[in-house]
Protein backbone atom coordinates (compact mmCIF):
# COMPACT_ATOMS: atom_id res chain seq x y z
CA MET A 1 82.11 87.71 115.41
CA PRO A 2 83.88 90.15 113.06
CA ALA A 3 87.23 89.17 111.60
CA LEU A 4 88.81 92.23 113.23
CA VAL A 5 87.78 94.12 116.34
CA TRP A 6 89.49 97.31 117.48
CA SER A 7 91.30 97.09 120.79
CA ASP A 8 93.50 99.46 122.73
CA ALA A 9 96.39 97.11 121.98
CA MET A 10 96.26 98.52 118.43
CA SER A 11 96.70 102.08 119.69
CA HIS A 12 99.95 103.93 119.02
CA ALA A 13 99.29 107.05 121.12
CA GLN A 14 99.07 109.02 117.87
CA PRO A 15 95.44 110.23 117.91
CA ASP A 16 95.13 110.86 114.16
CA MET A 17 96.69 107.50 113.31
CA ASP A 18 94.55 105.70 115.89
CA THR A 19 91.36 107.33 114.60
CA THR A 20 92.19 106.35 111.03
CA HIS A 21 92.95 102.80 112.12
CA ARG A 22 89.65 102.53 114.00
CA GLU A 23 87.87 103.76 110.87
CA PHE A 24 89.63 101.08 108.80
CA VAL A 25 88.45 98.40 111.23
CA ASP A 26 84.91 99.83 111.11
CA ARG A 27 84.85 99.82 107.30
CA LEU A 28 86.21 96.29 107.10
CA THR A 29 83.50 95.19 109.55
CA ALA A 30 80.86 96.99 107.48
CA VAL A 31 81.82 94.95 104.40
CA GLU A 32 81.65 91.76 106.44
CA HIS A 33 78.26 92.76 107.87
CA ALA A 34 76.90 93.55 104.41
CA LEU A 35 78.02 90.14 103.12
CA ASP A 36 76.22 88.43 105.98
CA HIS A 37 73.10 90.58 106.31
CA ASP A 38 72.58 93.16 103.57
CA PRO A 39 73.74 92.17 100.05
CA ASP A 40 72.61 95.53 98.64
CA GLN A 41 75.24 97.23 100.79
CA VAL A 42 78.19 95.06 99.73
CA ALA A 43 79.28 97.28 96.84
CA PRO A 44 78.85 100.59 98.70
CA SER A 45 80.60 99.30 101.83
CA PHE A 46 83.47 97.86 99.78
CA GLY A 47 83.74 101.18 97.90
CA ALA A 48 83.90 103.02 101.23
CA LEU A 49 86.63 100.64 102.43
CA LEU A 50 88.64 101.20 99.26
CA ASP A 51 88.27 104.99 99.41
CA HIS A 52 89.17 105.07 103.08
CA THR A 53 92.19 102.82 102.55
CA LYS A 54 93.53 105.05 99.77
CA ALA A 55 93.20 108.12 102.02
CA HIS A 56 94.61 106.24 105.03
CA PHE A 57 97.72 105.13 103.17
CA SER A 58 98.20 108.49 101.50
CA GLN A 59 98.04 110.17 104.90
CA GLU A 60 100.70 107.89 106.38
CA GLU A 61 102.92 108.38 103.35
CA ARG A 62 102.64 112.17 103.67
CA TRP A 63 103.68 111.81 107.30
CA MET A 64 106.63 109.64 106.30
CA GLY A 65 107.76 112.25 103.79
CA ALA A 66 107.39 115.08 106.28
CA ILE A 67 109.62 113.39 108.85
CA GLY A 68 112.25 112.52 106.27
CA LEU A 69 111.62 108.89 105.37
CA VAL A 70 112.43 108.03 101.77
CA PRO A 71 109.41 107.28 99.58
CA GLU A 72 110.81 103.91 98.52
CA ASN A 73 110.36 101.91 101.69
CA GLY A 74 108.79 98.66 102.83
CA HIS A 75 105.92 100.44 104.55
CA ALA A 76 104.79 102.23 101.41
CA ASP A 77 105.42 99.06 99.39
CA GLN A 78 102.94 97.20 101.60
CA HIS A 79 100.41 99.98 101.05
CA ARG A 80 100.76 99.70 97.28
CA HIS A 81 100.39 95.93 97.40
CA VAL A 82 97.20 96.10 99.48
CA LEU A 83 95.70 98.72 97.18
CA ASP A 84 96.58 96.58 94.15
CA VAL A 85 94.76 93.63 95.73
CA LEU A 86 91.72 95.76 96.59
CA HIS A 87 91.52 97.02 93.00
CA GLU A 88 91.95 93.51 91.63
CA VAL A 89 89.16 92.17 93.85
CA ARG A 90 86.90 95.03 92.75
CA GLY A 91 87.62 94.03 89.15
CA VAL A 92 86.85 90.37 89.81
CA ILE A 93 83.56 91.31 91.44
CA GLY A 94 82.73 93.59 88.50
CA GLN A 95 83.42 90.82 86.00
CA THR A 96 81.76 87.94 87.82
CA GLY A 97 79.16 89.64 90.02
CA ASP A 98 80.26 87.28 92.80
CA ALA A 99 81.20 89.20 95.94
CA GLN A 100 82.08 86.07 97.93
CA ILE A 101 85.75 86.67 97.19
CA LEU A 102 85.40 89.43 99.77
CA ARG A 103 85.10 86.85 102.57
CA ARG A 104 88.65 85.72 101.90
CA LEU A 105 89.82 89.30 101.47
CA ILE A 106 88.34 90.33 104.82
CA SER A 107 90.11 87.49 106.60
CA GLU A 108 93.43 88.24 104.91
CA LEU A 109 93.14 92.01 105.43
CA ALA A 110 92.35 91.53 109.12
CA SER A 111 95.48 89.41 109.62
CA TRP A 112 97.63 91.73 107.54
CA PHE A 113 96.37 94.84 109.33
CA VAL A 114 97.21 93.55 112.80
CA ALA A 115 100.76 92.65 111.76
CA HIS A 116 101.22 95.88 109.79
CA ALA A 117 99.95 98.04 112.64
CA GLN A 118 102.11 96.26 115.22
CA MET A 119 105.25 96.53 113.12
CA MET A 120 105.24 99.18 110.40
CA ASP A 121 102.80 101.63 111.95
CA ALA A 122 104.33 101.24 115.42
CA VAL A 123 107.73 102.23 114.02
CA LEU A 124 106.16 105.15 112.15
CA ALA A 125 104.38 106.35 115.31
CA GLU A 126 107.59 106.12 117.37
CA THR A 127 109.54 107.97 114.68
CA MET A 128 106.87 110.67 114.50
CA LEU A 129 107.17 111.12 118.25
CA ALA A 130 110.98 111.22 118.15
CA CYS A 131 110.85 113.80 115.34
CA GLY A 132 108.35 115.99 117.17
CA PHE A 133 105.91 115.58 114.31
CA ASP A 134 102.67 117.55 114.44
CA THR A 135 99.93 115.90 112.36
CA GLU A 136 97.88 119.11 112.27
CA THR A 137 100.60 121.23 110.68
CA GLY A 138 102.42 118.39 108.93
CA THR A 139 105.74 119.59 110.28
CA ALA A 140 108.49 117.88 112.22
CA ALA A 141 110.52 119.76 114.82
CA ARG A 142 113.43 117.34 114.32
CA PRO A 143 113.16 115.71 110.87
CA LEU A 144 115.40 112.79 110.09
CA THR A 145 118.60 113.74 108.32
CA GLY A 146 120.22 111.95 105.41
CA LYS A 147 118.55 109.09 103.60
CA ALA A 148 116.42 107.46 106.23
CA GLY A 149 114.95 104.08 105.52
CA GLY A 150 111.33 103.10 105.78
CA ALA A 151 109.04 102.89 108.74
């Protein structure tokens, strides 16, 4: 069984966010599947996970900025930390050729993602709704005023 399986409990009623989160789960599962069944696909599937995660986090951070959240916040800090770990693991694999470190990463990312989505992303989704944020135009009808903290 995969380390992480999408469920409606992970949904935030923000279609673009939910789609991106499902894609993250799918890419994480693809890395796990490659480790178990198709070693030639480990590097490409991990690369796809890394690329997707960069775009995913960048998207959320653009949304945060558009609704008036300051760039220095715990949510974005978590994103940076996860990307640092992904890059470090890629470097370890490149140096050693041993992709088994990914098994631990998958487990840790699955746990982190559930907590992050339930806390940080839930707050972001609620704030987007309260601000009347439109993900297609990137505009908020009622942006936060002053120096808002992080979602």
